[in-house]
Protein backbone atom coordinates (compact mmCIF):
# COMPACT_ATOMS: atom_id res chain seq x y z
CA MET A 1 6.70 17.37 -22.74
CA HIS A 2 7.67 13.62 -23.12
CA TYR A 3 4.66 10.65 -21.77
CA GLY A 4 6.08 7.03 -21.41
CA VAL A 5 8.89 5.02 -19.92
CA PHE A 6 12.91 6.31 -20.44
CA THR A 7 15.51 3.63 -19.45
CA SER A 8 19.61 3.86 -19.38
CA GLU A 9 21.98 1.61 -17.80
CA LEU A 10 21.04 2.91 -14.03
CA LEU A 11 18.13 4.50 -14.85
CA GLU A 12 14.60 3.91 -15.41
CA ILE A 13 11.22 6.94 -15.09
CA ALA A 14 8.00 5.87 -16.18
CA GLN A 15 6.67 9.90 -16.73
CA THR A 16 2.95 10.97 -17.46
CA ARG A 17 1.52 14.81 -16.87
CA LEU A 18 0.87 14.29 -13.21
CA TRP A 19 3.99 11.95 -11.92
CA ALA A 20 7.11 10.68 -12.59
CA LEU A 21 8.34 7.00 -10.72
CA CYS A 22 12.10 7.00 -11.12
CA PHE A 23 14.17 3.76 -10.50
CA TYR A 24 17.84 4.00 -10.15
CA GLY A 25 20.81 1.93 -8.84
CA ASP A 26 24.87 2.85 -8.56
CA ALA A 27 27.57 0.85 -10.86
CA GLU A 28 27.77 -1.66 -7.94
CA LYS A 29 23.76 -1.95 -7.19
CA SER A 30 25.43 -1.98 -3.68
CA LEU A 31 22.62 1.25 -3.67
CA ILE A 32 19.08 0.99 -4.93
CA GLY A 33 16.51 3.08 -5.06
CA THR A 34 13.04 4.51 -6.13
CA ARG A 35 11.84 7.75 -6.24
CA LEU A 36 7.62 9.25 -6.80
CA TYR A 37 7.52 12.67 -8.15
CA LYS A 38 3.81 14.41 -8.44
CA GLY A 39 3.20 17.88 -10.20
CA ILE A 40 2.09 19.14 -13.20
CA ASP A 41 4.25 18.05 -16.38
CA THR A 42 7.94 20.10 -15.95
CA ASP A 43 6.76 21.14 -12.14
CA LYS A 44 7.21 18.38 -9.93
CA CYS A 45 8.11 17.77 -7.01
CA LEU A 46 9.63 14.48 -4.71
CA ILE A 47 6.36 13.60 -2.14
CA ALA A 48 8.65 9.27 -1.58
CA ILE A 49 11.63 7.98 -1.75
CA CYS A 50 13.06 4.41 -0.56
CA GLU A 51 16.77 3.53 -0.64
CA TYR A 52 18.43 0.13 0.14
CA ASN A 53 20.78 0.02 0.86
CA LYS A 54 23.76 -3.41 0.58
CA GLU A 55 26.51 -2.05 2.65
CA ILE A 56 24.52 -1.00 5.96
CA ASN A 57 21.77 -4.10 5.25
CA LYS A 58 19.26 -0.96 5.38
CA THR A 59 16.07 0.49 3.85
CA LEU A 60 15.94 4.39 4.85
CA TYR A 61 12.14 5.45 3.39
CA ALA A 62 10.60 9.20 3.61
CA TYR A 63 7.27 10.64 1.94
CA GLU A 64 4.98 13.42 2.62
CA GLN A 65 1.16 13.30 2.44
CA SER A 66 -1.37 15.40 1.03
CA ASP A 67 -2.09 17.32 4.30
CA GLY A 68 2.01 17.96 4.63
CA GLN A 69 2.72 14.94 7.37
CA LYS A 70 5.65 13.09 6.69
CA PHE A 71 6.89 10.17 7.52
CA THR A 72 10.21 8.72 7.79
CA ASN A 73 13.37 6.37 9.65
CA ASP A 74 16.00 8.94 8.45
CA PHE A 75 14.86 12.40 9.57
CA ASP A 76 18.59 13.48 9.25
CA GLY A 77 19.02 12.08 5.46
CA ILE A 78 17.30 10.97 2.86
CA CYS A 79 14.26 13.28 4.63
CA LYS A 80 16.03 15.95 2.83
CA HIS A 81 15.38 15.05 -0.47
CA ILE A 82 11.74 15.47 0.54
CA GLY A 83 10.32 18.35 -1.91
CA SER A 84 13.28 18.46 -4.64
CA HIS A 85 12.70 19.09 -7.99
CA PHE A 86 12.62 16.58 -11.01
CA ASN A 87 15.12 17.43 -13.10
CA TYR A 88 16.28 14.84 -14.90
CA ASP A 89 16.89 15.00 -18.60
CA ILE A 90 14.85 12.18 -20.30
CA SER A 91 15.93 13.11 -23.39
CA ARG A 92 19.04 11.32 -22.50
CA LEU A 93 17.05 8.45 -22.41
CA MET A 94 16.01 5.21 -24.66
CA LYS A 95 12.17 5.35 -24.49
CA ILE A 96 11.15 1.24 -24.50
CA ASP A 97 7.20 1.87 -23.82
CA ASP A 98 4.73 4.57 -24.84
CA VAL A 99 1.85 6.34 -22.53
CA VAL A 100 -1.29 7.67 -24.11
CA LEU A 101 -3.10 9.83 -21.79
CA SER A 102 -7.07 9.15 -22.09
CA GLN A 103 -10.23 10.59 -20.67
CA GLN A 104 -11.99 8.37 -17.95
CA ILE A 105 -13.76 5.88 -19.46
CA ILE A 106 -16.01 3.26 -19.21
CA GLU A 107 -14.90 -0.42 -18.75
CA PRO A 108 -15.97 -3.13 -19.96
CA THR A 109 -17.89 -6.07 -17.88
CA VAL A 110 -16.41 -9.65 -17.66
CA THR A 111 -19.08 -11.28 -19.36
CA GLU A 112 -18.77 -8.06 -21.77
CA ALA A 113 -14.95 -8.96 -22.65
CA GLY A 114 -13.87 -11.78 -21.43
CA ILE A 115 -11.05 -12.20 -18.10
CA GLU A 116 -8.01 -11.74 -20.05
CA ALA A 117 -9.33 -8.07 -22.01
CA CYS A 118 -10.50 -6.99 -18.71
CA LEU A 119 -7.28 -7.38 -16.51
CA LYS A 120 -5.86 -5.42 -18.98
CA GLN A 121 -7.78 -2.56 -19.16
CA TRP A 122 -9.03 -2.28 -15.89
CA ARG A 123 -5.41 -2.29 -14.74
CA MET A 124 -4.35 0.37 -17.32
CA GLY A 125 -2.91 3.23 -16.03
CA ILE A 126 -2.11 5.03 -12.21
CA VAL A 127 -3.96 4.95 -9.04
CA TYR A 128 -3.04 6.58 -5.87
CA ASN A 129 -3.78 5.98 -2.77
CA GLU A 130 -3.06 6.92 0.83
CA ILE A 131 -3.48 5.16 3.41
CA ASP A 132 -4.00 5.40 7.50
CA ASP A 133 0.41 5.51 7.61
CA GLY A 134 1.19 4.76 4.47
CA LEU A 135 1.07 4.77 0.15
CA LEU A 136 0.41 3.06 -2.22
CA PHE A 137 0.78 3.60 -5.96
CA GLN A 138 0.11 1.67 -9.14
CA MET A 139 1.15 2.16 -13.32
CA VAL A 140 0.37 -0.07 -15.09
CA THR A 141 1.63 0.66 -18.51
CA ASN A 142 1.06 -1.15 -21.85
CA LYS A 143 4.11 -4.00 -21.18
CA ILE A 144 4.93 -2.85 -17.15
CA GLU A 145 3.26 -2.94 -14.45
CA TYR A 146 4.71 -0.55 -11.55
CA VAL A 147 4.03 -0.08 -8.00
CA PHE A 148 5.49 1.88 -4.91
CA SER A 149 4.12 0.71 -1.68
CA ILE A 150 5.19 1.91 1.63
CA ARG A 151 3.81 1.29 5.06
CA THR A 152 5.31 2.09 8.12
CA GLU A 153 4.41 -1.06 10.40
CA ASN A 154 7.60 -3.03 10.49
CA ARG A 155 8.76 -1.78 7.61
CA ASN A 156 6.26 -2.80 4.93
CA ILE A 157 8.36 -1.48 1.75
CA TYR A 158 7.54 -3.05 -1.47
CA CYS A 159 8.95 -0.80 -5.06
CA GLY A 160 8.75 -2.97 -7.97
CA ALA A 161 8.96 -2.47 -11.60
CA SER A 162 7.21 -6.02 -13.63
CA ILE A 163 6.18 -7.97 -16.57
CA ASN A 164 3.62 -9.22 -16.03
CA ILE A 165 0.82 -10.70 -18.57
CA PRO A 166 -3.49 -11.32 -18.19
CA TYR A 167 -4.41 -14.47 -19.53
CA ASN A 168 -8.41 -16.07 -19.49
CA ASN A 169 -7.01 -18.31 -15.77
CA GLY A 170 -5.62 -15.19 -14.39
CA MET A 171 -2.37 -13.39 -14.59
CA LEU A 172 1.63 -14.51 -15.49
CA GLY A 173 4.21 -12.17 -13.60
CA SER A 174 7.13 -13.73 -16.52
CA GLY A 175 10.10 -10.93 -15.46
CA GLN A 176 10.41 -8.97 -12.53
CA TYR A 177 13.44 -6.79 -13.02
CA PHE A 178 13.62 -3.84 -9.93
CA ARG A 179 12.65 -5.42 -6.33
CA ILE A 180 12.79 -3.31 -3.03
CA ARG A 181 10.88 -5.86 -0.73
CA ASN A 182 11.61 -5.05 2.91
CA PHE A 183 9.43 -6.34 5.85
CA ALA A 184 11.06 -6.34 9.54
CA ASP A 185 14.06 -8.24 10.29
CA ASN A 186 13.88 -9.25 6.45
CA SER A 187 13.90 -13.40 7.38
CA GLN A 188 11.27 -13.68 5.09
CA PRO A 189 11.82 -15.72 1.77
CA PHE A 190 9.90 -12.93 -0.18
CA CYS A 191 12.61 -9.92 1.16
CA SER A 192 15.02 -9.64 -1.87
CA PHE A 193 16.42 -6.57 -3.53
CA ALA A 194 17.18 -6.70 -7.35
CA CYS A 195 18.03 -3.94 -10.27
CA ASN A 196 18.72 -4.94 -13.37
CA ILE A 197 17.42 -2.03 -15.58
CA GLY A 198 18.44 -0.18 -18.73
CA ASN A 199 17.08 -2.72 -20.80
CA ASP A 200 14.21 -2.61 -23.80
CA ILE A 201 11.13 -4.76 -22.45
CA THR A 202 9.86 -7.28 -24.48
CA ILE A 203 6.53 -9.27 -24.08
CA PRO A 204 7.26 -13.20 -24.44
CA LEU A 205 4.82 -15.02 -26.62
CA ILE A 206 3.76 -18.43 -24.22
CA ASP A 207 1.56 -20.58 -25.85
CA LYS A 208 0.48 -22.43 -23.08
CA ILE A 209 0.61 -21.84 -19.22
CA VAL A 210 1.74 -25.04 -17.11
CA CYS A 211 0.13 -24.31 -13.59
CA GLU A 212 -1.33 -27.40 -12.32
CA SER A 213 -1.75 -26.28 -8.23
CA GLY A 214 -4.74 -23.73 -9.27
CA LYS A 215 -3.06 -21.49 -6.44
CA CYS A 216 0.39 -18.85 -7.03
CA THR A 217 3.00 -21.08 -7.93
CA THR A 218 6.54 -21.06 -10.19
CA THR A 219 5.56 -22.44 -13.56
CA PRO A 220 8.64 -23.14 -15.94
CA GLN A 221 6.80 -19.42 -17.57
CA GLY A 222 7.24 -17.74 -14.57
CA LEU A 223 4.50 -16.70 -11.54
CA PHE A 224 1.41 -17.50 -11.87
CA TRP A 225 -1.52 -15.89 -10.08
CA PRO A 226 -4.61 -17.63 -11.20
CA ILE A 227 -8.57 -16.89 -10.56
CA LYS A 228 -9.74 -16.91 -7.41
CA ARG A 229 -13.08 -15.62 -7.88
CA TYR A 230 -15.27 -13.79 -10.31
CA ASN A 231 -17.72 -11.20 -11.23
CA ASP A 232 -18.79 -8.66 -14.35
CA ASP A 233 -16.87 -5.57 -11.63
CA GLU A 234 -14.24 -7.55 -10.12
CA ILE A 235 -11.64 -10.07 -10.36
CA VAL A 236 -9.67 -11.69 -7.62
CA LEU A 237 -6.79 -14.27 -7.89
CA ASP A 238 -4.99 -15.71 -5.77
CA GLY A 239 -1.79 -14.28 -4.60
CA CYS A 240 1.36 -15.55 -2.85
CA GLU A 241 1.79 -16.03 1.28
CA GLY A 242 -2.55 -15.83 1.25
CA ASP A 243 -2.47 -12.55 -0.95
CA GLU A 244 -5.40 -11.04 -2.85
CA TYR A 245 -4.96 -9.63 -5.74
CA ILE A 246 -8.31 -7.44 -6.52
CA TYR A 247 -8.71 -5.83 -9.61
CA LYS A 248 -12.04 -3.84 -10.22
CA ARG A 249 -13.94 -2.31 -12.70
CA ASN A 250 -14.27 1.34 -13.19
CA GLU A 251 -11.72 2.22 -10.65
CA GLN A 252 -10.95 5.88 -9.61
CA LYS A 253 -7.47 6.84 -11.13
CA SER A 254 -5.12 9.67 -10.98
CA GLU A 255 -4.97 8.92 -14.25
CA GLN A 256 -5.78 6.64 -17.25
CA PHE A 257 -3.82 5.31 -20.34
CA THR A 258 -5.49 3.74 -23.61
CA ILE A 259 -3.84 0.09 -24.37
CA ASN A 260 -1.71 0.13 -27.66
CA PRO A 261 -3.02 -2.69 -29.46
CA LEU A 262 0.31 -3.85 -31.21
CA VAL A 263 1.60 -4.71 -27.91
């Protein structure tokens, strides 16, 4: 079984023992989408799908929670894919990151390891939660942070693949290469759609973060989220538009990964 992150020009798959997350687009990038599969190794089935269609300027979604209840805005169309089996041929894709599964470990405190090390270790692995009428899937590998979040209220959808780099004073988002951000009528500036998959991932070497405001800000290196508050067991970053990005020590994870120190 192949675990890791694999990519091609129109497809990227992050696969573990229990999960497979797929980002894809058509040749013209007029249709881009995200699919989330759950199961064990090769026996995985689709539990969530989201597609943005540029031609009709609409985001369609469907997902099934563990109790079997389905939520969708397209019962006669995209919802029919729910339950379909994972059948991608990963052997034809380029591997761009390793995923090494590990047992649940006791993570270090901020006092023991410092903010930068804790932001990296605490985030590694997969968190999956069903929340009211929505779901949140978050996966962090050595190089990439993936998020697949759906709430039916106001069609609040976020599917993203980003290169986020922890520092002792916060975290830098230096490159988001896939994005579906749908909210209400999409008039907000944060609503956007992009698909630039198919490339190897290189973590940029940045010696100094230029950040003067002390709040979420755009820097010459990328978007920076500074530390808002922290203690030994929780780190809170100051996100954009008043958001808080909260990372907790020993958060319950569906799967946990071993850090590659060479990345």
